[in-house]
N, C-alpha and C. Protein backbone atom coordinates (compact mmCIF):
# COMPACT_ATOMS: atom_id res chain seq x y z
N MET A 1 78.92 -101.56 43.90
CA MET A 1 79.73 -101.59 42.80
C MET A 1 81.25 -102.10 42.84
N SER A 2 81.67 -102.65 41.98
CA SER A 2 83.17 -103.23 42.30
C SER A 2 84.11 -102.20 41.64
N ARG A 3 85.33 -102.30 42.35
CA ARG A 3 86.36 -101.27 41.82
C ARG A 3 86.76 -101.17 40.39
N ARG A 4 86.67 -102.36 39.77
CA ARG A 4 86.81 -102.26 38.22
C ARG A 4 85.71 -101.60 37.56
N THR A 5 84.50 -101.76 38.08
CA THR A 5 83.34 -101.03 37.37
C THR A 5 83.47 -99.52 37.73
N THR A 6 83.77 -99.14 38.66
CA THR A 6 84.09 -97.80 39.12
C THR A 6 85.32 -97.17 38.18
N GLN A 7 86.43 -98.20 37.98
CA GLN A 7 87.52 -97.50 37.16
C GLN A 7 87.05 -97.57 35.78
N ASN A 8 86.30 -98.34 35.16
CA ASN A 8 85.65 -98.31 33.97
C ASN A 8 84.86 -97.17 33.76
N ALA A 9 83.92 -96.66 34.73
CA ALA A 9 83.27 -95.57 34.53
C ALA A 9 84.04 -94.34 34.51
N THR A 10 84.91 -94.35 35.26
CA THR A 10 85.99 -93.14 35.41
C THR A 10 86.62 -92.88 33.96
N LEU A 11 87.26 -94.03 33.46
CA LEU A 11 87.70 -93.89 32.18
C LEU A 11 86.74 -93.42 31.09
N LEU A 12 85.59 -94.06 31.13
CA LEU A 12 84.49 -93.93 30.11
C LEU A 12 84.18 -92.33 30.19
N ARG A 13 83.93 -91.72 31.25
CA ARG A 13 83.62 -90.55 31.40
C ARG A 13 84.49 -89.40 30.94
N ARG A 14 85.95 -89.75 30.98
CA ARG A 14 86.93 -89.14 30.44
C ARG A 14 87.09 -89.26 28.98
N LEU A 15 86.78 -90.56 28.46
CA LEU A 15 86.91 -90.67 27.08
C LEU A 15 85.55 -90.02 26.33
N VAL A 16 84.43 -89.97 26.83
CA VAL A 16 83.20 -89.52 26.35
C VAL A 16 83.56 -87.85 26.24
N ASN A 17 84.19 -87.47 26.93
CA ASN A 17 84.51 -85.85 26.92
C ASN A 17 85.54 -85.56 25.75
N GLY A 18 86.01 -86.44 24.93
CA GLY A 18 86.79 -86.29 24.08
C GLY A 18 88.27 -86.26 24.09
N LYS A 19 88.65 -86.86 25.33
CA LYS A 19 90.09 -86.73 25.68
C LYS A 19 90.84 -88.04 25.46
N ASN A 20 92.02 -87.71 25.05
CA ASN A 20 92.81 -89.14 24.98
C ASN A 20 93.16 -89.68 26.28
N LEU A 21 93.49 -90.77 26.41
CA LEU A 21 93.98 -91.38 27.58
C LEU A 21 95.31 -91.95 27.71
N THR A 22 96.25 -91.87 28.36
CA THR A 22 97.45 -92.45 28.30
C THR A 22 97.95 -93.28 29.56
N VAL A 23 98.69 -94.18 29.60
CA VAL A 23 99.13 -94.77 30.92
C VAL A 23 99.36 -94.00 32.10
N ASN A 24 100.41 -92.94 31.64
CA ASN A 24 100.92 -92.08 32.58
C ASN A 24 99.75 -91.31 33.15
N GLU A 25 98.96 -90.80 32.51
CA GLU A 25 97.72 -89.92 32.95
C GLU A 25 96.91 -90.62 33.73
N THR A 26 96.58 -91.99 33.49
CA THR A 26 95.65 -92.79 34.36
C THR A 26 96.22 -93.17 35.50
N VAL A 27 97.54 -93.38 35.74
CA VAL A 27 98.16 -93.59 36.88
C VAL A 27 98.32 -92.51 37.71
N SER A 28 98.54 -91.45 37.13
CA SER A 28 98.77 -90.11 38.21
C SER A 28 97.53 -89.45 38.49
N ARG A 29 96.45 -89.53 37.59
CA ARG A 29 95.29 -88.78 37.90
C ARG A 29 94.07 -89.90 38.73
N PHE A 30 94.11 -91.05 38.15
CA PHE A 30 93.14 -91.81 38.63
C PHE A 30 93.55 -92.80 39.56
N GLY A 31 94.82 -93.24 39.55
CA GLY A 31 95.48 -94.45 40.15
C GLY A 31 95.14 -95.71 39.65
N ILE A 32 94.99 -95.51 38.21
CA ILE A 32 94.59 -96.99 37.40
C ILE A 32 95.96 -97.42 36.75
N ARG A 33 96.18 -98.66 37.04
CA ARG A 33 97.59 -98.98 36.48
C ARG A 33 97.30 -99.94 35.50
N SER A 34 96.09 -100.56 35.37
CA SER A 34 96.04 -101.54 34.14
C SER A 34 94.92 -100.96 33.13
N LEU A 35 95.48 -99.93 32.50
CA LEU A 35 94.65 -99.30 31.53
C LEU A 35 94.54 -100.19 30.36
N SER A 36 95.42 -100.86 29.64
CA SER A 36 94.98 -101.76 28.69
C SER A 36 93.96 -102.74 29.15
N ALA A 37 93.95 -103.29 30.33
CA ALA A 37 92.77 -104.23 30.73
C ALA A 37 91.52 -103.59 30.64
N ARG A 38 91.43 -102.43 31.23
CA ARG A 38 90.20 -101.77 31.37
C ARG A 38 89.67 -101.25 30.00
N ILE A 39 90.72 -100.79 29.15
CA ILE A 39 90.25 -100.75 27.72
C ILE A 39 89.53 -102.06 26.94
N HIS A 40 90.40 -103.06 27.08
CA HIS A 40 89.83 -104.24 26.57
C HIS A 40 88.33 -104.35 27.28
N GLU A 41 88.09 -104.49 28.53
CA GLU A 41 86.76 -104.43 29.13
C GLU A 41 85.70 -103.56 28.55
N LEU A 42 86.05 -102.34 28.15
CA LEU A 42 85.11 -101.43 27.45
C LEU A 42 84.85 -101.83 26.07
N ARG A 43 85.96 -102.29 25.47
CA ARG A 43 85.76 -102.77 23.83
C ARG A 43 84.73 -103.99 23.83
N THR A 44 85.08 -104.75 24.96
CA THR A 44 84.11 -106.06 25.04
C THR A 44 82.63 -105.89 25.10
N VAL A 45 82.37 -104.66 25.69
CA VAL A 45 81.01 -104.37 26.08
C VAL A 45 80.37 -103.49 25.10
N GLY A 46 81.19 -103.27 23.66
CA GLY A 46 80.69 -102.48 22.74
C GLY A 46 81.28 -101.16 22.34
N PHE A 47 82.19 -100.47 23.17
CA PHE A 47 82.67 -99.32 22.81
C PHE A 47 83.78 -99.45 21.98
N VAL A 48 83.81 -98.40 20.83
CA VAL A 48 84.73 -98.30 19.90
C VAL A 48 86.05 -97.33 20.22
N ILE A 49 87.12 -98.00 20.63
CA ILE A 49 88.13 -97.16 21.32
C ILE A 49 89.39 -97.42 20.31
N TYR A 50 89.91 -96.22 19.88
CA TYR A 50 91.05 -96.20 19.03
C TYR A 50 92.36 -96.39 19.74
N THR A 51 93.36 -96.90 19.23
CA THR A 51 94.67 -96.76 19.88
C THR A 51 95.61 -96.07 19.11
N ASN A 52 96.12 -94.87 19.52
CA ASN A 52 97.02 -94.10 18.68
C ASN A 52 98.44 -94.15 19.43
N ARG A 53 99.40 -93.86 18.48
CA ARG A 53 100.81 -93.88 19.05
C ARG A 53 101.00 -92.24 18.83
N ILE A 54 101.40 -91.64 19.90
CA ILE A 54 101.72 -90.10 19.76
C ILE A 54 103.10 -89.96 20.23
N LYS A 55 103.76 -88.74 19.63
CA LYS A 55 105.21 -88.24 20.17
C LYS A 55 105.02 -87.40 21.14
N LYS A 56 105.82 -87.71 22.24
CA LYS A 56 105.97 -86.84 23.49
C LYS A 56 107.33 -86.42 23.65
N LYS A 57 107.63 -85.28 24.05
CA LYS A 57 109.07 -84.85 24.40
C LYS A 57 109.49 -85.20 25.89
N THR A 58 110.64 -85.74 26.13
CA THR A 58 110.97 -85.97 27.60
C THR A 58 111.65 -84.71 28.26
N SER A 59 112.06 -84.83 29.53
CA SER A 59 112.61 -83.81 30.04
C SER A 59 113.92 -83.55 29.59
N LYS A 60 114.47 -84.57 28.92
CA LYS A 60 115.90 -84.29 28.35
C LYS A 60 115.85 -83.88 26.97
N ASN A 61 114.49 -83.55 26.43
CA ASN A 61 114.43 -83.10 25.11
C ASN A 61 114.40 -84.14 24.04
N LYS A 62 114.10 -85.31 24.47
CA LYS A 62 114.11 -86.36 23.46
C LYS A 62 112.70 -86.80 23.22
N THR A 63 112.61 -87.32 21.98
CA THR A 63 111.05 -87.97 21.48
C THR A 63 111.05 -89.27 21.82
N ARG A 64 109.75 -89.58 22.53
CA ARG A 64 109.51 -90.86 22.68
C ARG A 64 107.91 -91.02 22.14
N PHE A 65 107.49 -92.37 21.86
CA PHE A 65 106.14 -92.39 21.78
C PHE A 65 105.32 -93.11 22.80
N VAL A 66 104.24 -92.77 23.00
CA VAL A 66 103.31 -93.32 23.99
C VAL A 66 101.92 -93.73 23.27
N THR A 67 101.25 -94.60 24.03
CA THR A 67 100.09 -95.06 23.50
C THR A 67 98.98 -94.27 24.19
N ALA A 68 98.09 -93.85 23.36
CA ALA A 68 96.79 -92.96 23.82
C ALA A 68 95.71 -93.66 23.22
N TYR A 69 94.72 -93.65 24.17
CA TYR A 69 93.39 -94.28 23.76
C TYR A 69 92.32 -93.02 23.55
N ARG A 70 91.50 -93.18 22.55
CA ARG A 70 90.32 -92.33 22.25
C ARG A 70 89.22 -92.92 21.73
N LEU A 71 88.03 -92.52 22.17
CA LEU A 71 86.78 -92.99 22.02
C LEU A 71 86.16 -92.37 20.46
N LEU A 72 85.54 -93.34 19.73
CA LEU A 72 85.02 -92.86 18.53
C LEU A 72 83.74 -92.09 18.91
N SER A 73 83.96 -90.92 18.22
CA SER A 73 82.77 -89.99 18.58
C SER A 73 81.69 -89.95 17.41
């Protein structure tokens, strides 16, 4: 099994459990740096994945937007 296939399987397990995925989370938890490419591959094989912009507070109490991906349930 290729590294890409393993990364896609890891992301899909997380999405199937109803969790959002963000770039920061996938880098820190799974070591996957190319989240948008993996999401594109999952969409290509038929998974319906939504892209959401969510607000997050920074450590300096400022608001920023991050992209979060979610699987259609």
